[in-house]
Amino acid sequence: MGSLWLGAFVGFLITLLLGFLFPGIGQLIGGLLGGFVAGIIARGGILRGALAGFLAGIFGGIIITILAVLGLAVVGGVAGGILGGLFGGLAGLAVGVIAIILAIFGAIASTIGGLMGGLLAK
């Protein structure tokens, strides 16, 4: 029997990598591939693979959202000082909301990928 958390972590790394390489659609493709790998590593059947994929998708979406908010706040602060950091943070918040919506779809894709990976590993 494989490790659920190791599978979720490896799936998260794949989701994060593809999410940064291909913004937007990379979150969905990364979620599907990351969930698939998470399901294979979890090796506990369909439900365990789906759970590992879901955890990988949720963690990936949360981290991408946090990095989007912080990144735009830093860019705004460097470009425009304190007020620029404030407006950059607000822009980051708007991008973060979009990233959360994409994270929901990414988590669904990760769960489907984990389900397929768990089926293959069983």
N, C-alpha and C. Protein backbone atom coordinates (compact mmCIF):
# COMPACT_ATOMS: atom_id res chain seq x y z
N MET A 1 0.84 -1.18 0.00
CA MET A 1 0.00 0.00 0.00
C MET A 1 0.89 1.25 0.00
N GLY A 2 0.62 2.17 -0.88
CA GLY A 2 1.41 3.39 -1.01
C GLY A 2 1.00 4.44 0.00
N SER A 3 1.66 5.56 -0.08
CA SER A 3 1.42 6.65 0.85
C SER A 3 0.47 7.67 0.24
N LEU A 4 -0.60 7.96 0.93
CA LEU A 4 -1.58 8.93 0.48
C LEU A 4 -0.96 10.33 0.43
N TRP A 5 -0.24 10.70 1.48
CA TRP A 5 0.33 12.05 1.56
C TRP A 5 1.48 12.24 0.58
N LEU A 6 2.28 11.19 0.36
CA LEU A 6 3.35 11.30 -0.63
C LEU A 6 2.76 11.48 -2.02
N GLY A 7 1.72 10.73 -2.32
CA GLY A 7 1.04 10.89 -3.60
C GLY A 7 0.45 12.27 -3.77
N ALA A 8 -0.18 12.79 -2.71
CA ALA A 8 -0.75 14.13 -2.78
C ALA A 8 0.34 15.18 -2.96
N PHE A 9 1.49 14.99 -2.31
CA PHE A 9 2.58 15.95 -2.43
C PHE A 9 3.18 15.95 -3.83
N VAL A 10 3.43 14.77 -4.38
CA VAL A 10 3.99 14.68 -5.74
C VAL A 10 2.99 15.22 -6.75
N GLY A 11 1.73 14.90 -6.59
CA GLY A 11 0.69 15.45 -7.47
C GLY A 11 0.61 16.96 -7.36
N PHE A 12 0.76 17.48 -6.14
CA PHE A 12 0.77 18.92 -5.93
C PHE A 12 1.93 19.57 -6.67
N LEU A 13 3.12 18.97 -6.60
CA LEU A 13 4.28 19.54 -7.28
C LEU A 13 4.08 19.57 -8.79
N ILE A 14 3.49 18.52 -9.34
CA ILE A 14 3.22 18.48 -10.78
C ILE A 14 2.18 19.54 -11.14
N THR A 15 1.14 19.66 -10.33
CA THR A 15 0.12 20.68 -10.57
C THR A 15 0.72 22.08 -10.52
N LEU A 16 1.55 22.31 -9.53
CA LEU A 16 2.18 23.62 -9.37
C LEU A 16 3.10 23.94 -10.54
N LEU A 17 3.91 22.97 -10.95
CA LEU A 17 4.84 23.19 -12.06
C LEU A 17 4.10 23.50 -13.35
N LEU A 18 3.12 22.70 -13.69
CA LEU A 18 2.38 22.94 -14.94
C LEU A 18 1.50 24.18 -14.84
N GLY A 19 1.04 24.51 -13.64
CA GLY A 19 0.27 25.74 -13.46
C GLY A 19 1.10 26.98 -13.71
N PHE A 20 2.40 26.94 -13.37
CA PHE A 20 3.28 28.08 -13.63
C PHE A 20 3.76 28.11 -15.08
N LEU A 21 4.00 26.94 -15.65
CA LEU A 21 4.49 26.90 -17.03
C LEU A 21 3.43 27.32 -18.03
N PHE A 22 2.19 26.92 -17.79
CA PHE A 22 1.09 27.23 -18.70
C PHE A 22 -0.05 27.87 -17.91
N PRO A 23 -0.01 29.20 -17.71
CA PRO A 23 -1.05 29.85 -16.90
C PRO A 23 -2.45 29.61 -17.46
N GLY A 24 -3.39 29.41 -16.58
CA GLY A 24 -4.78 29.18 -16.98
C GLY A 24 -5.05 27.71 -17.23
N ILE A 25 -4.76 27.25 -18.42
CA ILE A 25 -5.06 25.87 -18.80
C ILE A 25 -4.10 24.89 -18.10
N GLY A 26 -2.93 25.37 -17.70
CA GLY A 26 -1.96 24.51 -17.02
C GLY A 26 -2.47 24.01 -15.68
N GLN A 27 -3.32 24.79 -15.03
CA GLN A 27 -3.91 24.36 -13.76
C GLN A 27 -4.80 23.14 -13.98
N LEU A 28 -5.54 23.13 -15.07
CA LEU A 28 -6.42 21.99 -15.35
C LEU A 28 -5.63 20.77 -15.81
N ILE A 29 -4.70 20.98 -16.74
CA ILE A 29 -3.88 19.87 -17.23
C ILE A 29 -2.99 19.34 -16.11
N GLY A 30 -2.39 20.27 -15.35
CA GLY A 30 -1.56 19.87 -14.22
C GLY A 30 -2.36 19.13 -13.17
N GLY A 31 -3.60 19.56 -12.96
CA GLY A 31 -4.45 18.86 -12.00
C GLY A 31 -4.76 17.44 -12.44
N LEU A 32 -5.04 17.28 -13.72
CA LEU A 32 -5.34 15.94 -14.23
C LEU A 32 -4.12 15.03 -14.14
N LEU A 33 -2.97 15.52 -14.62
CA LEU A 33 -1.75 14.71 -14.56
C LEU A 33 -1.27 14.51 -13.13
N GLY A 34 -1.32 15.58 -12.32
CA GLY A 34 -0.91 15.47 -10.93
C GLY A 34 -1.80 14.53 -10.14
N GLY A 35 -3.08 14.59 -10.40
CA GLY A 35 -4.01 13.67 -9.74
C GLY A 35 -3.78 12.23 -10.17
N PHE A 36 -3.47 12.04 -11.44
CA PHE A 36 -3.19 10.69 -11.95
C PHE A 36 -1.96 10.10 -11.25
N VAL A 37 -0.90 10.89 -11.17
CA VAL A 37 0.32 10.43 -10.49
C VAL A 37 0.06 10.21 -9.00
N ALA A 38 -0.72 11.10 -8.39
CA ALA A 38 -1.06 10.94 -6.97
C ALA A 38 -1.83 9.65 -6.74
N GLY A 39 -2.75 9.33 -7.64
CA GLY A 39 -3.51 8.09 -7.52
C GLY A 39 -2.64 6.86 -7.67
N ILE A 40 -1.66 6.92 -8.57
CA ILE A 40 -0.76 5.79 -8.75
C ILE A 40 0.11 5.59 -7.51
N ILE A 41 0.63 6.69 -6.96
CA ILE A 41 1.49 6.58 -5.78
C ILE A 41 0.70 6.14 -4.55
N ALA A 42 -0.55 6.58 -4.42
CA ALA A 42 -1.36 6.23 -3.25
C ALA A 42 -1.66 4.73 -3.21
N ARG A 43 -1.83 4.08 -4.34
CA ARG A 43 -2.03 2.63 -4.46
C ARG A 43 -3.04 2.03 -3.50
N GLY A 44 -4.19 2.61 -3.38
CA GLY A 44 -5.15 2.03 -2.47
C GLY A 44 -6.50 1.78 -3.11
N GLY A 45 -6.55 1.87 -4.40
CA GLY A 45 -7.82 1.70 -5.08
C GLY A 45 -8.37 3.03 -5.55
N ILE A 46 -9.60 2.97 -6.01
CA ILE A 46 -10.22 4.14 -6.63
C ILE A 46 -10.43 5.28 -5.63
N LEU A 47 -10.98 4.98 -4.47
CA LEU A 47 -11.28 6.04 -3.50
C LEU A 47 -10.02 6.67 -2.92
N ARG A 48 -9.03 5.87 -2.62
CA ARG A 48 -7.78 6.41 -2.10
C ARG A 48 -7.06 7.25 -3.15
N GLY A 49 -7.09 6.81 -4.41
CA GLY A 49 -6.50 7.59 -5.49
C GLY A 49 -7.24 8.90 -5.71
N ALA A 50 -8.57 8.86 -5.63
CA ALA A 50 -9.36 10.08 -5.79
C ALA A 50 -9.08 11.05 -4.65
N LEU A 51 -8.93 10.55 -3.43
CA LEU A 51 -8.62 11.41 -2.29
C LEU A 51 -7.24 12.04 -2.45
N ALA A 52 -6.25 11.26 -2.87
CA ALA A 52 -4.91 11.81 -3.09
C ALA A 52 -4.93 12.87 -4.19
N GLY A 53 -5.66 12.62 -5.26
CA GLY A 53 -5.78 13.60 -6.33
C GLY A 53 -6.49 14.86 -5.88
N PHE A 54 -7.54 14.71 -5.09
CA PHE A 54 -8.27 15.87 -4.58
C PHE A 54 -7.38 16.72 -3.68
N LEU A 55 -6.63 16.09 -2.79
CA LEU A 55 -5.71 16.83 -1.92
C LEU A 55 -4.65 17.56 -2.73
N ALA A 56 -4.12 16.91 -3.76
CA ALA A 56 -3.12 17.55 -4.62
C ALA A 56 -3.71 18.76 -5.33
N GLY A 57 -4.93 18.66 -5.82
CA GLY A 57 -5.58 19.77 -6.50
C GLY A 57 -5.88 20.94 -5.57
N ILE A 58 -6.35 20.65 -4.38
CA ILE A 58 -6.66 21.70 -3.41
C ILE A 58 -5.39 22.43 -2.98
N PHE A 59 -4.33 21.67 -2.66
CA PHE A 59 -3.08 22.31 -2.25
C PHE A 59 -2.50 23.15 -3.38
N GLY A 60 -2.54 22.64 -4.59
CA GLY A 60 -2.04 23.40 -5.74
C GLY A 60 -2.79 24.70 -5.96
N GLY A 61 -4.10 24.66 -5.85
CA GLY A 61 -4.90 25.86 -6.02
C GLY A 61 -4.66 26.89 -4.94
N ILE A 62 -4.50 26.44 -3.70
CA ILE A 62 -4.26 27.36 -2.59
C ILE A 62 -2.92 28.06 -2.76
N ILE A 63 -1.88 27.31 -3.10
CA ILE A 63 -0.54 27.90 -3.23
C ILE A 63 -0.49 28.86 -4.41
N ILE A 64 -1.10 28.52 -5.54
CA ILE A 64 -1.10 29.41 -6.69
C ILE A 64 -1.86 30.70 -6.36
N THR A 65 -2.94 30.61 -5.62
CA THR A 65 -3.70 31.81 -5.22
C THR A 65 -2.86 32.71 -4.31
N ILE A 66 -2.20 32.13 -3.33
CA ILE A 66 -1.37 32.92 -2.41
C ILE A 66 -0.23 33.59 -3.16
N LEU A 67 0.42 32.86 -4.05
CA LEU A 67 1.52 33.45 -4.80
C LEU A 67 1.06 34.55 -5.75
N ALA A 68 -0.14 34.43 -6.30
CA ALA A 68 -0.67 35.49 -7.18
C ALA A 68 -0.91 36.76 -6.39
N VAL A 69 -1.51 36.66 -5.21
CA VAL A 69 -1.79 37.84 -4.39
C VAL A 69 -0.48 38.50 -3.94
N LEU A 70 0.45 37.71 -3.42
CA LEU A 70 1.71 38.27 -2.94
C LEU A 70 2.55 38.83 -4.08
N GLY A 71 2.56 38.15 -5.21
CA GLY A 71 3.36 38.62 -6.34
C GLY A 71 2.90 39.97 -6.85
N LEU A 72 1.60 40.16 -7.00
CA LEU A 72 1.12 41.45 -7.48
C LEU A 72 1.29 42.56 -6.44
N ALA A 73 1.22 42.22 -5.16
CA ALA A 73 1.45 43.22 -4.12
C ALA A 73 2.91 43.68 -4.13
N VAL A 74 3.82 42.75 -4.32
CA VAL A 74 5.24 43.10 -4.37
C VAL A 74 5.55 43.93 -5.62
N VAL A 75 5.02 43.51 -6.76
CA VAL A 75 5.24 44.27 -8.00
C VAL A 75 4.68 45.69 -7.87
N GLY A 76 3.49 45.82 -7.31
CA GLY A 76 2.91 47.15 -7.10
C GLY A 76 3.72 47.98 -6.12
N GLY A 77 4.23 47.35 -5.07
CA GLY A 77 5.05 48.07 -4.10
C GLY A 77 6.37 48.54 -4.68
N VAL A 78 7.00 47.73 -5.50
CA VAL A 78 8.26 48.12 -6.13
C VAL A 78 8.03 49.23 -7.14
N ALA A 79 6.94 49.13 -7.91
CA ALA A 79 6.68 50.10 -8.97
C ALA A 79 6.13 51.43 -8.43
N GLY A 80 5.32 51.39 -7.37
CA GLY A 80 4.65 52.61 -6.95
C GLY A 80 4.72 52.92 -5.47
N GLY A 81 5.60 52.28 -4.75
CA GLY A 81 5.72 52.57 -3.32
C GLY A 81 4.59 51.95 -2.51
N ILE A 82 4.25 52.59 -1.40
CA ILE A 82 3.24 52.07 -0.48
C ILE A 82 1.87 52.01 -1.15
N LEU A 83 1.51 53.09 -1.82
CA LEU A 83 0.20 53.12 -2.48
C LEU A 83 0.14 52.11 -3.62
N GLY A 84 1.25 51.95 -4.33
CA GLY A 84 1.30 50.94 -5.39
C GLY A 84 1.17 49.54 -4.82
N GLY A 85 1.76 49.31 -3.64
CA GLY A 85 1.61 48.01 -2.99
C GLY A 85 0.17 47.74 -2.59
N LEU A 86 -0.52 48.79 -2.15
CA LEU A 86 -1.94 48.65 -1.80
C LEU A 86 -2.78 48.29 -3.03
N PHE A 87 -2.57 49.05 -4.11
CA PHE A 87 -3.32 48.76 -5.34
C PHE A 87 -2.90 47.43 -5.95
N GLY A 88 -1.61 47.10 -5.84
CA GLY A 88 -1.15 45.80 -6.31
C GLY A 88 -1.78 44.67 -5.51
N GLY A 89 -1.93 44.87 -4.20
CA GLY A 89 -2.60 43.88 -3.37
C GLY A 89 -4.06 43.70 -3.74
N LEU A 90 -4.73 44.82 -4.07
CA LEU A 90 -6.12 44.73 -4.51
C LEU A 90 -6.23 44.01 -5.86
N ALA A 91 -5.30 44.31 -6.76
CA ALA A 91 -5.28 43.59 -8.04
C ALA A 91 -4.98 42.11 -7.81
N GLY A 92 -4.07 41.84 -6.88
CA GLY A 92 -3.76 40.45 -6.54
C GLY A 92 -4.95 39.73 -5.95
N LEU A 93 -5.76 40.46 -5.19
CA LEU A 93 -6.98 39.87 -4.63
C LEU A 93 -7.96 39.49 -5.74
N ALA A 94 -8.08 40.37 -6.74
CA ALA A 94 -8.96 40.06 -7.87
C ALA A 94 -8.44 38.86 -8.65
N VAL A 95 -7.13 38.81 -8.88
CA VAL A 95 -6.55 37.66 -9.57
C VAL A 95 -6.68 36.41 -8.70
N GLY A 96 -6.57 36.59 -7.38
CA GLY A 96 -6.73 35.46 -6.46
C GLY A 96 -8.11 34.84 -6.52
N VAL A 97 -9.14 35.68 -6.68
CA VAL A 97 -10.51 35.16 -6.81
C VAL A 97 -10.63 34.32 -8.08
N ILE A 98 -10.05 34.81 -9.15
CA ILE A 98 -10.06 34.03 -10.41
C ILE A 98 -9.28 32.73 -10.22
N ALA A 99 -8.15 32.81 -9.51
CA ALA A 99 -7.35 31.62 -9.27
C ALA A 99 -8.10 30.60 -8.41
N ILE A 100 -8.92 31.07 -7.47
CA ILE A 100 -9.71 30.16 -6.65
C ILE A 100 -10.76 29.45 -7.50
N ILE A 101 -11.36 30.18 -8.42
CA ILE A 101 -12.34 29.55 -9.32
C ILE A 101 -11.65 28.49 -10.17
N LEU A 102 -10.47 28.81 -10.70
CA LEU A 102 -9.72 27.82 -11.46
C LEU A 102 -9.28 26.65 -10.58
N ALA A 103 -9.00 26.93 -9.30
CA ALA A 103 -8.59 25.87 -8.38
C ALA A 103 -9.71 24.87 -8.16
N ILE A 104 -10.94 25.35 -8.16
CA ILE A 104 -12.08 24.43 -8.01
C ILE A 104 -12.12 23.46 -9.19
N PHE A 105 -11.97 24.00 -10.40
CA PHE A 105 -11.94 23.13 -11.58
C PHE A 105 -10.70 22.24 -11.58
N GLY A 106 -9.57 22.79 -11.09
CA GLY A 106 -8.36 21.99 -10.98
C GLY A 106 -8.50 20.85 -9.99
N ALA A 107 -9.21 21.10 -8.89
CA ALA A 107 -9.43 20.04 -7.90
C ALA A 107 -10.34 18.95 -8.47
N ILE A 108 -11.31 19.35 -9.27
CA ILE A 108 -12.18 18.36 -9.92
C ILE A 108 -11.37 17.52 -10.90
N ALA A 109 -10.51 18.19 -11.68
CA ALA A 109 -9.66 17.47 -12.63
C ALA A 109 -8.69 16.56 -11.89
N SER A 110 -8.14 17.03 -10.77
CA SER A 110 -7.22 16.20 -9.98
C SER A 110 -7.92 14.99 -9.40
N THR A 111 -9.16 15.16 -8.96
CA THR A 111 -9.92 14.03 -8.42
C THR A 111 -10.17 12.99 -9.50
N ILE A 112 -10.53 13.45 -10.70
CA ILE A 112 -10.75 12.52 -11.81
C ILE A 112 -9.45 11.80 -12.16
N GLY A 113 -8.34 12.56 -12.21
CA GLY A 113 -7.04 11.95 -12.48
C GLY A 113 -6.64 10.95 -11.41
N GLY A 114 -6.88 11.31 -10.14
CA GLY A 114 -6.57 10.39 -9.05
C GLY A 114 -7.42 9.14 -9.09
N LEU A 115 -8.67 9.29 -9.50
CA LEU A 115 -9.55 8.14 -9.65
C LEU A 115 -9.01 7.19 -10.71
N MET A 116 -8.57 7.74 -11.83
CA MET A 116 -8.00 6.90 -12.90
C MET A 116 -6.68 6.28 -12.47
N GLY A 117 -5.83 7.07 -11.76
CA GLY A 117 -4.57 6.54 -11.27
C GLY A 117 -4.76 5.45 -10.24
N GLY A 118 -5.72 5.62 -9.34
CA GLY A 118 -6.01 4.59 -8.35
C GLY A 118 -6.56 3.33 -8.99
N LEU A 119 -7.34 3.49 -10.04
CA LEU A 119 -7.87 2.34 -10.77
C LEU A 119 -6.74 1.58 -11.46
N LEU A 120 -5.80 2.32 -12.03
CA LEU A 120 -4.69 1.69 -12.72
C LEU A 120 -3.74 0.99 -11.74
N ALA A 121 -3.53 1.59 -10.56
CA ALA A 121 -2.60 1.03 -9.59
C ALA A 121 -3.16 -0.18 -8.88
N LYS A 122 -4.47 -0.30 -8.81
CA LYS A 122 -5.08 -1.43 -8.09
C LYS A 122 -4.96 -2.64 -8.87
